């Protein structure tokens, strides 16, 4: 599996945020012949009185010539991975990790915001240079 350009930076940022990386990559077996590979799986205890929170992260760099093509690919992967997680481990929450600069610019287009909200895409924005998580954005699916 080819890793995203910023895989190690996102992993380091999650570790800085006290997440335990449990899978790298996180495999989801959807049939005997088909296995999905989400970039990372992580766990974190949020507070003493709360249960263990588990997440899976699909990392994207958005460094290609076409951000919209990369968005199409990322969204398709996200939707497939979300379905796979629903079947295999429904308590694990999926996030799409994107550079903060990309989110603050390209992802603010109304078309993209509508698509993200419609499909309930959870997003982590990260700074690849400082290896830091900038935002956790959790959307509710409005299609249901």
Protein backbone atom coordinates (compact mmCIF):
# COMPACT_ATOMS: atom_id res chain seq x y z
CA UNK A 1 0.00 0.00 0.00
CA UNK A 2 1.36 3.40 -0.97
CA UNK A 3 1.32 5.86 1.92
CA UNK A 4 0.11 9.39 1.58
CA UNK A 5 2.79 12.09 1.41
CA UNK A 6 1.90 13.37 4.91
CA UNK A 7 1.24 10.01 6.59
CA UNK A 8 4.08 10.30 9.10
CA UNK A 9 3.25 13.93 9.93
CA UNK A 10 -0.38 13.08 10.74
CA UNK A 11 0.72 10.09 12.78
CA UNK A 12 3.15 12.29 14.76
CA UNK A 13 0.41 14.91 15.27
CA UNK A 14 -1.97 12.29 16.67
CA UNK A 15 0.72 11.01 19.03
CA UNK A 16 1.32 14.61 20.21
CA UNK A 17 -2.43 14.76 20.96
CA UNK A 18 -2.05 11.66 23.18
CA UNK A 19 -3.59 9.20 20.74
CA UNK A 20 -2.31 5.64 20.79
CA UNK A 21 -1.75 4.40 17.23
CA UNK A 22 -3.21 0.90 17.23
CA UNK A 23 -3.15 0.11 13.50
CA UNK A 24 -0.88 1.33 10.69
CA UNK A 25 -2.62 0.60 8.36
CA UNK A 26 -6.05 -0.38 9.69
CA UNK A 27 -7.36 -3.33 7.67
CA UNK A 28 -11.09 -3.92 7.19
CA UNK A 29 -11.92 -7.30 5.65
CA UNK A 30 -15.20 -6.91 3.75
CA UNK A 31 -15.11 -10.30 2.02
CA UNK A 32 -12.73 -13.18 1.51
CA UNK A 33 -11.36 -11.49 -1.61
CA UNK A 34 -11.61 -7.81 -0.66
CA UNK A 35 -9.72 -5.96 2.08
CA UNK A 36 -9.82 -2.21 2.65
CA UNK A 37 -6.81 -0.41 4.16
CA UNK A 38 -7.51 2.77 6.09
CA UNK A 39 -4.31 4.71 6.81
CA UNK A 40 -4.41 4.70 10.63
CA UNK A 41 -6.38 3.42 13.59
CA UNK A 42 -6.05 5.13 16.97
CA UNK A 43 -7.48 5.13 20.46
CA UNK A 44 -7.63 7.76 23.14
CA UNK A 45 -9.17 8.08 26.56
CA UNK A 46 -10.81 11.50 26.46
CA UNK A 47 -11.49 11.81 30.19
CA UNK A 48 -11.49 9.51 33.21
CA UNK A 49 -15.27 9.25 33.24
CA UNK A 50 -15.62 8.50 29.51
CA UNK A 51 -15.18 5.27 27.60
CA UNK A 52 -12.32 4.59 25.22
CA UNK A 53 -12.76 6.48 21.93
CA UNK A 54 -11.61 4.72 18.76
CA UNK A 55 -11.00 6.38 15.42
CA UNK A 56 -9.78 5.51 11.94
CA UNK A 57 -8.10 8.13 9.77
CA UNK A 58 -7.81 8.31 6.00
CA UNK A 59 -5.01 10.77 5.22
CA UNK A 60 -4.96 12.95 2.11
CA UNK A 61 -2.33 15.51 1.09
CA UNK A 62 -4.07 17.34 -1.78
CA UNK A 63 -0.79 17.96 -3.60
CA UNK A 64 -1.86 16.76 -7.07
CA UNK A 65 -2.61 19.05 -10.01
CA UNK A 66 -6.36 18.65 -9.52
CA UNK A 67 -7.82 19.19 -6.06
CA UNK A 68 -11.30 18.28 -7.30
CA UNK A 69 -10.07 14.92 -8.63
CA UNK A 70 -8.35 14.26 -5.33
CA UNK A 71 -11.56 15.22 -3.49
CA UNK A 72 -13.61 12.79 -5.63
CA UNK A 73 -11.18 9.98 -4.83
CA UNK A 74 -11.04 10.88 -1.12
CA UNK A 75 -14.83 11.04 -0.81
CA UNK A 76 -15.27 7.69 -2.56
CA UNK A 77 -12.71 6.05 -0.30
CA UNK A 78 -14.24 7.67 2.78
CA UNK A 79 -17.73 6.38 1.93
CA UNK A 80 -16.47 2.83 1.28
CA UNK A 81 -14.39 2.83 4.46
CA UNK A 82 -17.31 4.19 6.50
CA UNK A 83 -19.52 1.35 5.27
CA UNK A 84 -16.81 -1.21 6.00
CA UNK A 85 -16.35 0.15 9.52
CA UNK A 86 -20.12 0.11 10.14
CA UNK A 87 -20.08 -3.62 9.42
CA UNK A 88 -16.81 -4.55 11.18
CA UNK A 89 -16.38 -2.10 14.05
CA UNK A 90 -19.32 0.32 14.37
CA UNK A 91 -17.90 2.04 17.47
CA UNK A 92 -14.83 3.28 15.56
CA UNK A 93 -15.34 6.77 14.06
CA UNK A 94 -13.84 7.52 10.65
CA UNK A 95 -12.12 10.84 9.86
CA UNK A 96 -10.68 12.25 6.65
CA UNK A 97 -7.41 14.07 7.44
CA UNK A 98 -6.61 17.03 5.17
CA UNK A 99 -4.00 19.79 5.37
CA UNK A 100 -5.33 22.85 7.19
CA UNK A 101 -4.43 25.09 4.25
CA UNK A 102 -6.51 22.92 1.89
CA UNK A 103 -9.46 22.88 4.28
CA UNK A 104 -9.36 26.64 4.87
CA UNK A 105 -9.23 27.36 1.13
CA UNK A 106 -10.51 24.63 -1.20
CA UNK A 107 -12.83 22.89 1.27
CA UNK A 108 -14.72 26.16 1.88
CA UNK A 109 -16.25 26.07 -1.61
CA UNK A 110 -20.05 25.80 -1.15
CA UNK A 111 -20.20 22.70 -3.39
CA UNK A 112 -17.65 20.87 -1.22
CA UNK A 113 -19.25 21.99 2.05
CA UNK A 114 -22.62 20.70 0.83
CA UNK A 115 -21.07 17.38 -0.21
CA UNK A 116 -19.23 16.99 3.11
CA UNK A 117 -22.40 17.69 5.08
CA UNK A 118 -24.60 15.51 2.85
CA UNK A 119 -22.31 12.51 3.33
CA UNK A 120 -21.48 13.19 6.99
CA UNK A 121 -17.72 13.35 6.43
CA UNK A 122 -15.78 13.85 9.66
CA UNK A 123 -12.60 15.84 9.11
CA UNK A 124 -9.31 16.36 10.89
CA UNK A 125 -7.27 19.31 9.66
CA UNK A 126 -3.54 19.12 10.23
CA UNK A 127 -0.46 21.27 9.79
CA UNK A 128 2.14 19.04 8.08
CA UNK A 129 5.06 21.34 8.91
CA UNK A 130 4.36 21.61 12.65
CA UNK A 131 2.93 18.06 12.78
CA UNK A 132 -0.12 19.28 14.67
CA UNK A 133 -3.85 18.67 14.51
CA UNK A 134 -5.62 21.99 13.93
CA UNK A 135 -9.32 21.04 14.01
CA UNK A 136 -11.68 18.12 14.61
CA UNK A 137 -14.84 18.63 12.55
CA UNK A 138 -17.70 16.20 12.99
CA UNK A 139 -20.63 16.52 10.61
CA UNK A 140 -24.05 15.01 10.98
CA UNK A 141 -25.38 13.27 7.88
CA UNK A 142 -28.35 15.29 6.55
CA UNK A 143 -29.44 12.69 3.96
CA UNK A 144 -31.19 10.45 6.48
